[in-house]
């Protein structure tokens, strides 16, 4: 009787050393992703602070209305001020793009441990991506989609820019 040919090689059991390495790599990657998140929150906070500075500068223009047309000054400040959230948007998108580079390996380690070897954990990334309906390898990849047009990145900056432009239109009307 001959042995049937196996079409797929069966995974070799991991040694304790290899399991420890995977575990260390997994948690290192998770910590790295969290460190990127901390930096991203700092970038968002600085961007909002910059926008607040622009608003403060706009409000200071009201007392000098008699010397200069306040509407022109306020509009100019608001339009120039839109560059602040724009620069922070670009900076944060770069960080998010770098961070997303770690996701596929985290998903791969989770797959190895849970699917191939039947472990119940780790499942941090799988649970997160399932809850938010995300996939490890998005349909569109690259800096444009991972960073610049990533919803978690651009929404706050678009709102800041829209608010500044709205203030450029409304402030002169309010101060008349």
Protein backbone atom coordinates (compact mmCIF):
# COMPACT_ATOMS: atom_id res chain seq x y z
CA UNK A 1 0.00 0.00 0.00
CA UNK A 2 1.46 3.34 -0.98
CA UNK A 3 1.18 6.60 0.90
CA UNK A 4 -1.06 9.20 -0.73
CA UNK A 5 0.74 12.30 -1.91
CA UNK A 6 0.11 15.31 0.22
CA UNK A 7 -0.80 18.37 -1.82
CA UNK A 8 -0.09 20.81 0.98
CA UNK A 9 2.88 20.49 3.26
CA UNK A 10 1.76 20.13 6.84
CA UNK A 11 3.12 22.77 9.20
CA UNK A 12 5.91 21.57 11.37
CA UNK A 13 5.26 22.08 15.05
CA UNK A 14 6.94 25.17 16.40
CA UNK A 15 9.52 24.70 19.09
CA UNK A 16 9.12 26.57 22.35
CA UNK A 17 11.90 28.87 21.20
CA UNK A 18 10.05 29.70 17.97
CA UNK A 19 6.80 30.25 19.86
CA UNK A 20 8.59 32.62 22.22
CA UNK A 21 10.06 34.51 19.27
CA UNK A 22 6.65 34.86 17.64
CA UNK A 23 5.15 36.03 20.92
CA UNK A 24 7.90 38.60 21.42
CA UNK A 25 7.63 39.80 17.83
CA UNK A 26 3.85 40.07 18.12
CA UNK A 27 3.91 42.18 21.27
CA UNK A 28 6.81 44.27 19.95
CA UNK A 29 4.74 45.06 16.87
CA UNK A 30 1.66 45.85 18.97
CA UNK A 31 3.73 48.22 21.15
CA UNK A 32 5.20 49.85 18.05
CA UNK A 33 1.73 50.41 16.62
CA UNK A 34 0.62 51.94 19.94
CA UNK A 35 3.70 54.20 19.97
CA UNK A 36 2.72 55.44 16.52
CA UNK A 37 -0.79 56.12 17.86
CA UNK A 38 0.65 58.21 20.70
CA UNK A 39 2.67 60.27 18.23
CA UNK A 40 -0.35 60.67 15.97
CA UNK A 41 -2.37 62.10 18.88
CA UNK A 42 0.43 64.58 19.58
CA UNK A 43 0.41 65.63 15.92
CA UNK A 44 -3.39 66.08 16.02
CA UNK A 45 -3.13 68.13 19.22
CA UNK A 46 -0.45 70.39 17.72
CA UNK A 47 -2.54 70.87 14.59
CA UNK A 48 -5.59 71.87 16.60
CA UNK A 49 -3.44 74.20 18.71
CA UNK A 50 -2.14 75.84 15.52
CA UNK A 51 -5.68 76.29 14.26
CA UNK A 52 -6.62 77.81 17.61
CA UNK A 53 -3.72 80.23 17.23
CA UNK A 54 -5.03 81.29 13.84
CA UNK A 55 -8.48 81.88 15.37
CA UNK A 56 -6.93 83.97 18.14
CA UNK A 57 -5.09 86.04 15.55
CA UNK A 58 -8.33 86.53 13.64
CA UNK A 59 -10.09 87.72 16.81
CA UNK A 60 -7.30 90.23 17.48
CA UNK A 61 -8.07 91.92 14.16
CA UNK A 62 -11.43 93.23 15.39
CA UNK A 63 -10.03 96.12 17.50
CA UNK A 64 -8.03 97.51 14.58
CA UNK A 65 -11.02 97.65 12.26
CA UNK A 66 -10.79 101.41 11.89
CA UNK A 67 -7.17 101.28 10.69
CA UNK A 68 -7.53 98.50 8.12
CA UNK A 69 -10.44 96.77 6.48
CA UNK A 70 -10.90 94.01 9.01
CA UNK A 71 -12.66 91.73 6.55
CA UNK A 72 -9.61 91.61 4.28
CA UNK A 73 -7.24 90.94 7.18
CA UNK A 74 -9.43 88.22 8.68
CA UNK A 75 -9.93 86.52 5.33
CA UNK A 76 -6.23 86.58 4.59
CA UNK A 77 -5.36 85.18 8.03
CA UNK A 78 -7.95 82.41 7.70
CA UNK A 79 -6.83 81.40 4.23
CA UNK A 80 -3.14 81.42 5.18
CA UNK A 81 -4.11 79.67 8.42
CA UNK A 82 -5.50 76.75 6.41
CA UNK A 83 -1.91 75.76 5.66
CA UNK A 84 -1.40 74.81 9.32
CA UNK A 85 -3.89 71.91 9.33
CA UNK A 86 -2.73 71.02 5.84
CA UNK A 87 0.87 70.59 6.99
CA UNK A 88 -0.18 68.57 10.04
CA UNK A 89 -2.46 66.45 7.83
CA UNK A 90 0.52 65.56 5.63
CA UNK A 91 2.70 64.83 8.68
CA UNK A 92 0.10 62.61 10.33
CA UNK A 93 -0.59 60.80 7.07
CA UNK A 94 3.08 59.86 6.84
CA UNK A 95 3.01 58.44 10.37
CA UNK A 96 -0.20 56.52 9.63
CA UNK A 97 1.32 55.12 6.43
CA UNK A 98 4.38 53.91 8.34
CA UNK A 99 2.19 52.44 11.09
CA UNK A 100 0.05 50.51 8.62
CA UNK A 101 3.19 48.79 7.39
CA UNK A 102 3.17 46.70 10.59
CA UNK A 103 -0.42 45.46 10.27
CA UNK A 104 0.14 42.64 7.75
CA UNK A 105 2.82 41.00 9.92
CA UNK A 106 0.64 41.22 13.02
CA UNK A 107 -2.20 39.60 11.08
CA UNK A 108 0.19 36.92 9.80
CA UNK A 109 1.41 36.05 13.31
CA UNK A 110 -2.16 35.86 14.57
CA UNK A 111 -3.07 33.60 11.65
CA UNK A 112 -0.11 31.30 12.34
CA UNK A 113 -0.92 30.93 16.01
CA UNK A 114 -4.71 30.75 15.85
CA UNK A 115 -5.46 29.04 12.55
CA UNK A 116 -2.47 26.81 11.94
CA UNK A 117 -1.83 25.82 15.54
CA UNK A 118 -5.27 26.18 17.08
CA UNK A 119 -4.38 28.73 19.77
CA UNK A 120 -7.20 30.88 21.11
CA UNK A 121 -5.02 33.96 21.18
CA UNK A 122 -3.51 36.36 20.27
CA UNK A 123 -6.34 38.05 18.49
CA UNK A 124 -5.93 41.78 19.13
CA UNK A 125 -5.62 42.78 15.49
CA UNK A 126 -8.18 40.29 14.20
CA UNK A 127 -10.76 41.46 16.72
CA UNK A 128 -10.06 45.12 15.96
CA UNK A 129 -10.20 44.67 12.20
CA UNK A 130 -13.35 42.55 12.44
CA UNK A 131 -15.10 45.18 14.58
CA UNK A 132 -14.15 48.00 12.22
CA UNK A 133 -14.59 45.91 9.05
CA UNK A 134 -10.97 46.35 8.02
CA UNK A 135 -8.75 43.89 6.20
CA UNK A 136 -4.97 43.46 6.66
CA UNK A 137 -4.31 44.01 2.96
CA UNK A 138 -6.63 46.82 1.82
CA UNK A 139 -7.82 46.96 -1.77
CA UNK A 140 -5.96 50.20 -2.29
CA UNK A 141 -2.46 50.53 -0.94
CA UNK A 142 0.19 53.16 -0.82
CA UNK A 143 0.76 56.48 0.86
CA UNK A 144 -2.27 58.11 -0.71
CA UNK A 145 -4.75 55.53 0.68
CA UNK A 146 -2.92 54.39 3.84
CA UNK A 147 -2.14 57.92 4.93
CA UNK A 148 -3.44 60.98 3.17
CA UNK A 149 -6.96 59.71 2.39
CA UNK A 150 -7.26 57.46 5.44
CA UNK A 151 -10.54 58.39 7.15
CA UNK A 152 -8.99 58.36 10.61
CA UNK A 153 -6.46 60.93 9.42
CA UNK A 154 -8.18 63.41 7.14
CA UNK A 155 -11.55 64.01 8.81
CA UNK A 156 -10.29 66.25 11.62
CA UNK A 157 -8.12 68.31 9.25
CA UNK A 158 -10.86 68.77 6.69
CA UNK A 159 -13.12 69.98 9.52
CA UNK A 160 -10.45 72.42 10.73
CA UNK A 161 -9.93 73.82 7.23
CA UNK A 162 -13.69 74.10 6.67
CA UNK A 163 -14.07 75.89 10.01
CA UNK A 164 -11.33 78.38 9.16
CA UNK A 165 -12.86 79.08 5.76
CA UNK A 166 -16.28 79.48 7.37
CA UNK A 167 -14.77 81.95 9.83
CA UNK A 168 -13.18 83.85 6.93
CA UNK A 169 -16.66 84.36 5.52
CA UNK A 170 -18.63 84.88 8.74
CA UNK A 171 -16.26 86.93 10.90
CA UNK A 172 -16.41 90.11 8.83
CA UNK A 173 -20.22 89.84 8.73
CA UNK A 174 -20.42 89.38 12.49
CA UNK A 175 -18.07 92.26 13.26
CA UNK A 176 -19.88 94.85 11.15
